[in-house]
Amino acid sequence: MDVLVVILNYNTRELLRECLASLHDQQGINFVTAVVDNASTDNSVAMVREEFPEVEVFPLKKNNGFSAGNNVAMRKFGFPNRGEARYVLLLNPDTVVPPNALTRLVRYADANVKTGVVGPKLILEDGSLDKACRRSFPTPAVSFYHMSGLGKIFPKSARFARYNMTYLPDTLETEVDSVVGACMLLRREAIRRAGLLDERFFMYGEDLDWCLRVKEWGYKVMYYPDVIVHHIKRASSRRSPKAQFEFTRAQWLFYHKHYRTKTSKWVHWLIVAGLSLKGGRTLLREMLA
């Protein structure tokens, strides 16, 4: 098997249908699609079983989040140790994959053996770039430039606009810190070394964390804009208060895991104060635990 395509679904039946249909046009590549359903209530599982019988479906009784859900499918196919596919593609159900996009991503990865992760150019409904598809890690400095608005004021600055890398043309193939979990291809050997997704991240931040761990093993993370995928962003969580909380919580988890020991006390407490204003008492208790 060349690729294991893992799609995590939560109440996005109609979008999931379109996503799976788009995968039908991928030719010249041997892949298996696995849909993990996070306890949807919109009959997503029945739709997949009826209309796409070739797709492996793993219905869960509880919504355990993005990381845990994706890990279910990867473990079923032998990851992280003896993965049955040469690559894993994480794919959101709110994406549409153009013909041969998967083949081209694999071809690129095959030709660049030091690449552990590759992500395509993601285009939103309005035709604009999904800026999350090429990012720098949110170090305290990068996060400050982004959250303070300096990145928007100086979008062409390599210093202030590092988070979304708006100082580079979106047509430029380039090495980045992270691509986005909505569509990211990972090499089997990179997963074997870095491990699966960190399940402490319920949603958001897990892709950043995964890319960082892959890079620590010496692999490159590449943004490959020659392949374009269409993305309807946050289709299942656009208005969810829980999603907003988990976004802030993910910021804390990533910072605490990777930068806490490298950060001075006064900067650390500024970060705690700032995140507590966004995440409320629940997050504050977690940060102080």
C-alpha atoms as a PDB file:
ATOM      1  CA  MET A   1       0.000   0.000   0.000  1.00  0.00           C
ATOM      2  CA  ASP A   2       1.298   3.442  -0.932  1.00  0.00           C
ATOM      3  CA  VAL A   3      -0.960   5.585   1.243  1.00  0.00           C
ATOM      4  CA  LEU A   4      -3.322   5.228   4.150  1.00  0.00           C
ATOM      5  CA  VAL A   5      -5.777   8.144   3.929  1.00  0.00           C
ATOM      6  CA  VAL A   6      -7.273   8.920   7.343  1.00  0.00           C
ATOM      7  CA  ILE A   7     -10.357  11.117   7.549  1.00  0.00           C
ATOM      8  CA  LEU A   8     -11.730  12.075  10.955  1.00  0.00           C
ATOM      9  CA  ASN A   9     -15.418  12.948  10.782  1.00  0.00           C
ATOM     10  CA  TYR A  10     -17.773  14.660  13.199  1.00  0.00           C
ATOM     11  CA  ASN A  11     -21.230  15.548  11.875  1.00  0.00           C
ATOM     12  CA  THR A  12     -20.090  16.641   8.415  1.00  0.00           C
ATOM     13  CA  ARG A  13     -21.911  14.003   6.359  1.00  0.00           C
ATOM     14  CA  GLU A  14     -22.518  16.012   3.190  1.00  0.00           C
ATOM     15  CA  LEU A  15     -18.992  17.399   3.098  1.00  0.00           C
ATOM     16  CA  LEU A  16     -17.591  13.948   3.827  1.00  0.00           C
ATOM     17  CA  ARG A  17     -19.515  12.595   0.841  1.00  0.00           C
ATOM     18  CA  GLU A  18     -17.905  15.177  -1.448  1.00  0.00           C
ATOM     19  CA  CYS A  19     -14.461  14.499   0.002  1.00  0.00           C
ATOM     20  CA  LEU A  20     -14.723  10.742  -0.510  1.00  0.00           C
ATOM     21  CA  ALA A  21     -16.068  11.226  -4.026  1.00  0.00           C
ATOM     22  CA  SER A  22     -13.059  13.369  -4.902  1.00  0.00           C
ATOM     23  CA  LEU A  23     -10.737  10.549  -3.871  1.00  0.00           C
ATOM     24  CA  HIS A  24     -12.253   8.361  -6.598  1.00  0.00           C
ATOM     25  CA  ASP A  25     -10.298  10.304  -9.204  1.00  0.00           C
ATOM     26  CA  GLN A  26      -6.891   9.461  -7.732  1.00  0.00           C
ATOM     27  CA  GLN A  27      -5.189   7.142 -10.200  1.00  0.00           C
ATOM     28  CA  GLY A  28      -1.844   5.380 -10.463  1.00  0.00           C
ATOM     29  CA  ILE A  29      -1.536   4.912  -6.716  1.00  0.00           C
ATOM     30  CA  ASN A  30      -2.485   2.154  -4.283  1.00  0.00           C
ATOM     31  CA  PHE A  31      -4.301   3.649  -1.289  1.00  0.00           C
ATOM     32  CA  VAL A  32      -6.840   2.736   1.359  1.00  0.00           C
ATOM     33  CA  THR A  33      -9.221   5.246   2.906  1.00  0.00           C
ATOM     34  CA  ALA A  34     -10.205   4.967   6.566  1.00  0.00           C
ATOM     35  CA  VAL A  35     -12.944   7.122   8.077  1.00  0.00           C
ATOM     36  CA  VAL A  36     -12.975   7.449  11.844  1.00  0.00           C
ATOM     37  CA  ASP A  37     -16.294   8.803  13.074  1.00  0.00           C
ATOM     38  CA  ASN A  38     -16.258  10.680  16.379  1.00  0.00           C
ATOM     39  CA  ALA A  39     -19.774   9.702  17.509  1.00  0.00           C
ATOM     40  CA  SER A  40     -21.629  11.710  14.859  1.00  0.00           C
ATOM     41  CA  THR A  41     -25.411  12.019  15.068  1.00  0.00           C
ATOM     42  CA  ASP A  42     -26.046  12.813  11.375  1.00  0.00           C
ATOM     43  CA  ASN A  43     -25.896   9.245   9.982  1.00  0.00           C
ATOM     44  CA  SER A  44     -22.414   9.790   8.553  1.00  0.00           C
ATOM     45  CA  VAL A  45     -21.434   6.176   9.210  1.00  0.00           C
ATOM     46  CA  ALA A  46     -24.481   4.774   7.415  1.00  0.00           C
ATOM     47  CA  MET A  47     -23.810   7.042   4.421  1.00  0.00           C
ATOM     48  CA  VAL A  48     -20.201   5.886   4.100  1.00  0.00           C
ATOM     49  CA  ARG A  49     -21.118   2.219   4.397  1.00  0.00           C
ATOM     50  CA  GLU A  50     -23.875   2.515   1.815  1.00  0.00           C
ATOM     51  CA  GLU A  51     -22.225   4.773  -0.761  1.00  0.00           C
ATOM     52  CA  PHE A  52     -18.510   3.981  -0.292  1.00  0.00           C
ATOM     53  CA  PRO A  53     -18.303   0.283   0.670  1.00  0.00           C
ATOM     54  CA  GLU A  54     -14.591   0.186  -0.138  1.00  0.00           C
ATOM     55  CA  VAL A  55     -13.855   2.647   2.686  1.00  0.00           C
ATOM     56  CA  GLU A  56     -12.854   1.301   6.090  1.00  0.00           C
ATOM     57  CA  VAL A  57     -15.096   2.812   8.783  1.00  0.00           C
ATOM     58  CA  PHE A  58     -14.297   3.008  12.487  1.00  0.00           C
ATOM     59  CA  PRO A  59     -17.294   4.375  14.438  1.00  0.00           C
ATOM     60  CA  LEU A  60     -16.441   5.573  17.922  1.00  0.00           C
ATOM     61  CA  LYS A  61     -18.864   5.756  20.821  1.00  0.00           C
ATOM     62  CA  LYS A  62     -17.409   9.015  22.113  1.00  0.00           C
ATOM     63  CA  ASN A  63     -15.813  12.104  20.612  1.00  0.00           C
ATOM     64  CA  ASN A  64     -12.261  11.868  21.911  1.00  0.00           C
ATOM     65  CA  GLY A  65     -10.895  14.620  19.700  1.00  0.00           C
ATOM     66  CA  PHE A  66      -8.745  14.959  16.609  1.00  0.00           C
ATOM     67  CA  SER A  67      -5.536  13.331  17.790  1.00  0.00           C
ATOM     68  CA  ALA A  68      -7.127  10.315  19.454  1.00  0.00           C
ATOM     69  CA  GLY A  69      -9.483   9.756  16.532  1.00  0.00           C
ATOM     70  CA  ASN A  70      -6.782   9.784  13.875  1.00  0.00           C
ATOM     71  CA  ASN A  71      -4.613   7.545  16.027  1.00  0.00           C
ATOM     72  CA  VAL A  72      -7.364   4.899  16.047  1.00  0.00           C
ATOM     73  CA  ALA A  73      -7.050   4.376  12.292  1.00  0.00           C
ATOM     74  CA  MET A  74      -3.261   4.540  12.267  1.00  0.00           C
ATOM     75  CA  ARG A  75      -3.022   1.915  15.004  1.00  0.00           C
ATOM     76  CA  LYS A  76      -5.455  -0.325  13.107  1.00  0.00           C
ATOM     77  CA  PHE A  77      -3.006  -0.261  10.194  1.00  0.00           C
ATOM     78  CA  GLY A  78       0.075  -1.000  12.286  1.00  0.00           C
ATOM     79  CA  PHE A  79       1.448   2.444  13.040  1.00  0.00           C
ATOM     80  CA  PRO A  80       3.698   3.649  14.488  1.00  0.00           C
ATOM     81  CA  ASN A  81       5.922   0.554  14.424  1.00  0.00           C
ATOM     82  CA  ARG A  82       5.122  -1.600  11.400  1.00  0.00           C
ATOM     83  CA  GLY A  83       2.790   0.628   9.369  1.00  0.00           C
ATOM     84  CA  GLU A  84       1.208  -1.127   6.416  1.00  0.00           C
ATOM     85  CA  ALA A  85       1.458   1.937   4.133  1.00  0.00           C
ATOM     86  CA  ARG A  86       4.500   3.875   2.972  1.00  0.00           C
ATOM     87  CA  TYR A  87       2.716   7.139   3.772  1.00  0.00           C
ATOM     88  CA  VAL A  88      -0.184   8.410   5.856  1.00  0.00           C
ATOM     89  CA  LEU A  89      -2.340  11.276   4.618  1.00  0.00           C
ATOM     90  CA  LEU A  90      -4.393  13.090   7.227  1.00  0.00           C
ATOM     91  CA  LEU A  91      -7.342  14.640   5.423  1.00  0.00           C
ATOM     92  CA  ASN A  92     -10.239  16.707   6.739  1.00  0.00           C
ATOM     93  CA  PRO A  93     -13.744  15.801   5.557  1.00  0.00           C
ATOM     94  CA  ASP A  94     -14.268  19.420   4.522  1.00  0.00           C
ATOM     95  CA  THR A  95     -11.687  19.163   1.736  1.00  0.00           C
ATOM     96  CA  VAL A  96     -11.945  18.344  -1.955  1.00  0.00           C
ATOM     97  CA  VAL A  97      -8.918  16.671  -3.501  1.00  0.00           C
ATOM     98  CA  PRO A  98      -8.384  17.373  -7.227  1.00  0.00           C
ATOM     99  CA  PRO A  99      -7.602  14.467  -9.587  1.00  0.00           C
ATOM    100  CA  ASN A 100      -4.106  13.007  -9.138  1.00  0.00           C
ATOM    101  CA  ALA A 101      -3.304  15.295  -6.200  1.00  0.00           C
ATOM    102  CA  LEU A 102      -2.510  12.325  -3.992  1.00  0.00           C
ATOM    103  CA  THR A 103      -0.313  10.786  -6.668  1.00  0.00           C
ATOM    104  CA  ARG A 104       1.618  14.017  -7.062  1.00  0.00           C
ATOM    105  CA  LEU A 105       2.164  14.426  -3.323  1.00  0.00           C
ATOM    106  CA  VAL A 106       3.548  10.893  -3.099  1.00  0.00           C
ATOM    107  CA  ARG A 107       5.709  11.409  -6.161  1.00  0.00           C
ATOM    108  CA  TYR A 108       7.168  14.532  -4.566  1.00  0.00           C
ATOM    109  CA  ALA A 109       7.872  12.738  -1.283  1.00  0.00           C
ATOM    110  CA  ASP A 110       9.454   9.793  -3.110  1.00  0.00           C
ATOM    111  CA  ALA A 111      11.804  12.171  -4.896  1.00  0.00           C
ATOM    112  CA  ASN A 112      12.753  13.975  -1.672  1.00  0.00           C
ATOM    113  CA  VAL A 113      13.728  11.274   0.797  1.00  0.00           C
ATOM    114  CA  LYS A 114      14.713  13.740   3.533  1.00  0.00           C
ATOM    115  CA  THR A 115      11.170  15.083   3.591  1.00  0.00           C
ATOM    116  CA  GLY A 116       9.140  13.628   6.451  1.00  0.00           C
ATOM    117  CA  VAL A 117       6.027  15.756   5.970  1.00  0.00           C
ATOM    118  CA  VAL A 118       4.638  17.475   2.894  1.00  0.00           C
ATOM    119  CA  GLY A 119       1.570  19.674   2.657  1.00  0.00           C
ATOM    120  CA  PRO A 120      -0.177  21.145  -0.399  1.00  0.00           C
ATOM    121  CA  LYS A 121      -1.483  24.631  -0.971  1.00  0.00           C
ATOM    122  CA  LEU A 122      -4.933  24.924   0.625  1.00  0.00           C
ATOM    123  CA  ILE A 123      -7.483  27.280  -0.887  1.00  0.00           C
ATOM    124  CA  LEU A 124     -10.552  28.478   1.021  1.00  0.00           C
ATOM    125  CA  GLU A 125     -14.087  28.902  -0.329  1.00  0.00           C
ATOM    126  CA  ASP A 126     -13.452  32.531  -1.259  1.00  0.00           C
ATOM    127  CA  GLY A 127     -10.346  31.622  -3.254  1.00  0.00           C
ATOM    128  CA  SER A 128      -7.887  32.938  -0.685  1.00  0.00           C
ATOM    129  CA  LEU A 129      -4.997  31.015   0.819  1.00  0.00           C
ATOM    130  CA  ASP A 130      -5.617  29.044   4.002  1.00  0.00           C
ATOM    131  CA  LYS A 131      -2.689  30.591   5.855  1.00  0.00           C
ATOM    132  CA  ALA A 132      -2.424  27.593   8.192  1.00  0.00           C
ATOM    133  CA  CYS A 133      -1.017  25.465   5.371  1.00  0.00           C
ATOM    134  CA  ARG A 134       2.488  26.900   5.936  1.00  0.00           C
ATOM    135  CA  ARG A 135       3.510  28.139   9.359  1.00  0.00           C
ATOM    136  CA  SER A 136       6.352  28.780  11.742  1.00  0.00           C
ATOM    137  CA  PHE A 137       6.267  27.315  15.229  1.00  0.00           C
ATOM    138  CA  PRO A 138       4.550  29.613  17.763  1.00  0.00           C
ATOM    139  CA  THR A 139       7.511  30.416  19.955  1.00  0.00           C
ATOM    140  CA  PRO A 140       6.774  33.111  22.545  1.00  0.00           C
ATOM    141  CA  ALA A 141       8.271  35.739  20.216  1.00  0.00           C
ATOM    142  CA  VAL A 142       6.464  34.533  17.087  1.00  0.00           C
ATOM    143  CA  SER A 143       3.194  34.271  19.039  1.00  0.00           C
ATOM    144  CA  PHE A 144       3.599  37.822  20.362  1.00  0.00           C
ATOM    145  CA  TYR A 145       4.152  39.230  16.863  1.00  0.00           C
ATOM    146  CA  HIS A 146       1.080  37.338  15.637  1.00  0.00           C
ATOM    147  CA  MET A 147      -1.290  38.065  18.542  1.00  0.00           C
ATOM    148  CA  SER A 148      -0.274  41.718  18.813  1.00  0.00           C
ATOM    149  CA  GLY A 149      -1.183  42.346  15.181  1.00  0.00           C
ATOM    150  CA  LEU A 150       2.345  43.184  14.093  1.00  0.00           C
ATOM    151  CA  GLY A 151       2.158  40.375  11.526  1.00  0.00           C
ATOM    152  CA  LYS A 152      -0.845  42.048   9.884  1.00  0.00           C
ATOM    153  CA  ILE A 153       0.689  45.508  10.046  1.00  0.00           C
ATOM    154  CA  PHE A 154       3.933  44.267   8.497  1.00  0.00           C
ATOM    155  CA  PRO A 155       2.880  41.263   6.360  1.00  0.00           C
ATOM    156  CA  LYS A 156       6.075  41.396   4.304  1.00  0.00           C
ATOM    157  CA  SER A 157       8.368  41.332   7.321  1.00  0.00           C
ATOM    158  CA  ALA A 158      10.320  38.098   7.778  1.00  0.00           C
ATOM    159  CA  ARG A 159      10.454  38.896  11.486  1.00  0.00           C
ATOM    160  CA  PHE A 160       6.946  40.051  12.346  1.00  0.00           C
ATOM    161  CA  ALA A 161       5.018  37.884   9.855  1.00  0.00           C
ATOM    162  CA  ARG A 162       6.801  34.626  10.621  1.00  0.00           C
ATOM    163  CA  TYR A 163       3.750  32.810  11.951  1.00  0.00           C
ATOM    164  CA  ASN A 164       1.838  32.722   8.651  1.00  0.00           C
ATOM    165  CA  MET A 165       4.882  33.391   6.486  1.00  0.00           C
ATOM    166  CA  THR A 166       3.045  36.050   4.480  1.00  0.00           C
ATOM    167  CA  TYR A 167       6.385  37.557   3.478  1.00  0.00           C
ATOM    168  CA  LEU A 168       6.801  34.686   0.980  1.00  0.00           C
ATOM    169  CA  PRO A 169       4.741  34.203  -2.191  1.00  0.00           C
ATOM    170  CA  ASP A 170       2.225  31.394  -1.782  1.00  0.00           C
ATOM    171  CA  THR A 171       3.474  29.861  -5.031  1.00  0.00           C
ATOM    172  CA  LEU A 172       6.950  29.214  -3.592  1.00  0.00           C
ATOM    173  CA  GLU A 173       7.885  25.665  -2.644  1.00  0.00           C
ATOM    174  CA  THR A 174       9.695  26.032   0.657  1.00  0.00           C
ATOM    175  CA  GLU A 175      10.738  24.295   3.842  1.00  0.00           C
ATOM    176  CA  VAL A 176       8.505  25.339   6.738  1.00  0.00           C
ATOM    177  CA  ASP A 177       8.097  24.515  10.397  1.00  0.00           C
ATOM    178  CA  SER A 178       4.613  23.081   9.974  1.00  0.00           C
ATOM    179  CA  VAL A 179       1.850  22.355   7.519  1.00  0.00           C
ATOM    180  CA  VAL A 180      -1.749  21.789   8.620  1.00  0.00           C
ATOM    181  CA  GLY A 181      -3.532  18.622   9.712  1.00  0.00           C
ATOM    182  CA  ALA A 182      -6.366  19.306   7.251  1.00  0.00           C
ATOM    183  CA  CYS A 183      -4.130  17.784   4.565  1.00  0.00           C
ATOM    184  CA  MET A 184      -0.658  16.534   5.411  1.00  0.00           C
ATOM    185  CA  LEU A 185       1.309  13.568   4.079  1.00  0.00           C
ATOM    186  CA  LEU A 186       3.764  11.830   6.414  1.00  0.00           C
ATOM    187  CA  ARG A 187       6.439   9.277   5.648  1.00  0.00           C
ATOM    188  CA  ARG A 188       6.129   5.954   7.466  1.00  0.00           C
ATOM    189  CA  GLU A 189       9.680   6.136   8.819  1.00  0.00           C
ATOM    190  CA  ALA A 190       9.038   9.615  10.223  1.00  0.00           C
ATOM    191  CA  ILE A 191       5.969   8.369  12.095  1.00  0.00           C
ATOM    192  CA  ARG A 192       7.931   5.375  13.349  1.00  0.00           C
ATOM    193  CA  ARG A 193      10.495   7.693  14.912  1.00  0.00           C
ATOM    194  CA  ALA A 194       8.287  10.552  16.090  1.00  0.00           C
ATOM    195  CA  GLY A 195       5.338   8.435  17.208  1.00  0.00           C
ATOM    196  CA  LEU A 196       1.635   9.108  16.718  1.00  0.00           C
ATOM    197  CA  LEU A 197      -0.294  12.292  17.459  1.00  0.00           C
ATOM    198  CA  ASP A 198      -0.149  13.532  21.044  1.00  0.00           C
ATOM    199  CA  GLU A 199      -3.626  12.837  22.422  1.00  0.00           C
ATOM    200  CA  ARG A 200      -3.375  15.570  25.028  1.00  0.00           C
ATOM    201  CA  PHE A 201      -4.286  17.917  22.159  1.00  0.00           C
ATOM    202  CA  PHE A 202      -8.052  17.516  21.756  1.00  0.00           C
ATOM    203  CA  MET A 203      -8.117  19.669  18.641  1.00  0.00           C
ATOM    204  CA  TYR A 204      -5.713  22.287  17.264  1.00  0.00           C
ATOM    205  CA  GLY A 205      -1.960  22.325  17.831  1.00  0.00           C
ATOM    206  CA  GLU A 206      -1.463  18.608  17.309  1.00  0.00           C
ATOM    207  CA  ASP A 207      -0.180  19.147  13.760  1.00  0.00           C
ATOM    208  CA  LEU A 208       2.350  21.722  14.961  1.00  0.00           C
ATOM    209  CA  ASP A 209       3.514  19.344  17.661  1.00  0.00           C
ATOM    210  CA  TRP A 210       3.785  16.423  15.226  1.00  0.00           C
ATOM    211  CA  CYS A 211       5.797  18.441  12.717  1.00  0.00           C
ATOM    212  CA  LEU A 212       8.148  19.634  15.449  1.00  0.00           C
ATOM    213  CA  ARG A 213       8.787  16.076  16.614  1.00  0.00           C
ATOM    214  CA  VAL A 214       9.375  14.913  13.034  1.00  0.00           C
ATOM    215  CA  LYS A 215      11.869  17.732  12.480  1.00  0.00           C
ATOM    216  CA  GLU A 216      13.698  16.764  15.664  1.00  0.00           C
ATOM    217  CA  TRP A 217      14.515  13.474  13.922  1.00  0.00           C
ATOM    218  CA  GLY A 218      16.185  15.334  11.070  1.00  0.00           C
ATOM    219  CA  TYR A 219      13.363  15.314   8.518  1.00  0.00           C
ATOM    220  CA  LYS A 220      12.171  18.320   6.533  1.00  0.00           C
ATOM    221  CA  VAL A 221       8.622  19.648   6.488  1.00  0.00           C
ATOM    222  CA  MET A 222       7.811  20.972   3.026  1.00  0.00           C
ATOM    223  CA  TYR A 223       5.109  23.223   1.610  1.00  0.00           C
ATOM    224  CA  TYR A 224       4.385  22.063  -1.944  1.00  0.00           C
ATOM    225  CA  PRO A 225       2.065  24.545  -3.713  1.00  0.00           C
ATOM    226  CA  ASP A 226       2.071  22.730  -7.056  1.00  0.00           C
ATOM    227  CA  VAL A 227      -0.701  20.606  -5.533  1.00  0.00           C
ATOM    228  CA  ILE A 228      -3.824  22.560  -4.586  1.00  0.00           C
ATOM    229  CA  VAL A 229      -6.567  21.245  -2.282  1.00  0.00           C
ATOM    230  CA  HIS A 230      -9.812  23.074  -1.501  1.00  0.00           C
ATOM    231  CA  HIS A 231     -10.719  23.516   2.162  1.00  0.00           C
ATOM    232  CA  ILE A 232     -13.950  24.601   3.860  1.00  0.00           C
ATOM    233  CA  LYS A 233     -12.358  25.566   7.135  1.00  0.00           C
ATOM    234  CA  ARG A 234     -13.776  24.593  10.542  1.00  0.00           C
ATOM    235  CA  ALA A 235     -16.928  23.135   9.043  1.00  0.00           C
ATOM    236  CA  SER A 236     -17.742  21.091  12.148  1.00  0.00           C
ATOM    237  CA  SER A 237     -16.588  23.555  14.800  1.00  0.00           C
ATOM    238  CA  ARG A 238     -17.100  27.031  13.376  1.00  0.00           C
ATOM    239  CA  ARG A 239     -19.386  28.243  16.167  1.00  0.00           C
ATOM    240  CA  SER A 240     -18.430  25.859  18.938  1.00  0.00           C
ATOM    241  CA  PRO A 241     -17.431  27.413  22.299  1.00  0.00           C
ATOM    242  CA  LYS A 242     -15.557  24.191  23.044  1.00  0.00           C
ATOM    243  CA  ALA A 243     -13.497  24.626  19.880  1.00  0.00           C
ATOM    244  CA  GLN A 244     -12.615  28.168  20.902  1.00  0.00           C
ATOM    245  CA  PHE A 245     -11.546  26.932  24.338  1.00  0.00           C
ATOM    246  CA  GLU A 246      -9.521  24.057  22.891  1.00  0.00           C
ATOM    247  CA  PHE A 247      -7.717  26.449  20.550  1.00  0.00           C
ATOM    248  CA  THR A 248      -6.479  28.425  23.548  1.00  0.00           C
ATOM    249  CA  ARG A 249      -5.733  25.260  25.498  1.00  0.00           C
ATOM    250  CA  ALA A 250      -3.661  23.962  22.569  1.00  0.00           C
ATOM    251  CA  GLN A 251      -1.581  27.136  22.705  1.00  0.00           C
ATOM    252  CA  TRP A 252      -0.828  26.391  26.361  1.00  0.00           C
ATOM    253  CA  LEU A 253      -0.031  22.712  25.743  1.00  0.00           C
ATOM    254  CA  PHE A 254       2.353  23.478  22.901  1.00  0.00           C
ATOM    255  CA  TYR A 255       4.108  26.224  24.838  1.00  0.00           C
ATOM    256  CA  HIS A 256       4.376  24.158  28.028  1.00  0.00           C
ATOM    257  CA  LYS A 257       5.646  21.098  26.178  1.00  0.00           C
ATOM    258  CA  HIS A 258       8.256  22.775  24.005  1.00  0.00           C
ATOM    259  CA  TYR A 259       9.164  26.223  25.380  1.00  0.00           C
ATOM    260  CA  ARG A 260       8.389  26.439  29.098  1.00  0.00           C
ATOM    261  CA  THR A 261      11.874  25.424  30.253  1.00  0.00           C
ATOM    262  CA  LYS A 262      13.474  27.897  27.824  1.00  0.00           C
ATOM    263  CA  THR A 263      11.359  30.881  28.843  1.00  0.00           C
ATOM    264  CA  SER A 264      12.188  33.437  31.529  1.00  0.00           C
ATOM    265  CA  LYS A 265       9.847  33.657  34.534  1.00  0.00           C
ATOM    266  CA  TRP A 266       8.465  37.081  33.739  1.00  0.00           C
ATOM    267  CA  VAL A 267       7.634  36.099  30.133  1.00  0.00           C
ATOM    268  CA  HIS A 268       6.134  32.840  31.388  1.00  0.00           C
ATOM    269  CA  TRP A 269       3.742  34.640  33.733  1.00  0.00           C
ATOM    270  CA  LEU A 270       2.770  37.068  30.989  1.00  0.00           C
ATOM    271  CA  ILE A 271       1.849  34.068  28.851  1.00  0.00           C
ATOM    272  CA  VAL A 272      -0.157  32.517  31.691  1.00  0.00           C
ATOM    273  CA  ALA A 273      -2.000  35.803  32.249  1.00  0.00           C
ATOM    274  CA  GLY A 274      -2.756  36.275  28.560  1.00  0.00           C
ATOM    275  CA  LEU A 275      -4.024  32.744  28.018  1.00  0.00           C
ATOM    276  CA  SER A 276      -6.105  32.794  31.197  1.00  0.00           C
ATOM    277  CA  LEU A 277      -7.958  35.845  29.892  1.00  0.00           C
ATOM    278  CA  LYS A 278      -8.923  33.840  26.810  1.00  0.00           C
ATOM    279  CA  GLY A 279      -9.365  30.397  28.373  1.00  0.00           C
ATOM    280  CA  GLY A 280     -10.989  31.356  31.665  1.00  0.00           C
ATOM    281  CA  ARG A 281     -10.818  29.646  35.023  1.00  0.00           C
ATOM    282  CA  THR A 282     -10.839  26.131  33.595  1.00  0.00           C
ATOM    283  CA  LEU A 283      -7.646  26.714  31.662  1.00  0.00           C
ATOM    284  CA  LEU A 284      -6.083  28.723  34.486  1.00  0.00           C
ATOM    285  CA  ARG A 285      -6.520  25.746  36.832  1.00  0.00           C
ATOM    286  CA  GLU A 286      -4.815  23.501  34.293  1.00  0.00           C
ATOM    287  CA  MET A 287      -1.947  25.939  33.817  1.00  0.00           C
ATOM    288  CA  LEU A 288      -1.373  26.233  37.556  1.00  0.00           C
ATOM    289  CA  ALA A 289      -1.679  22.496  38.241  1.00  0.00           C
END
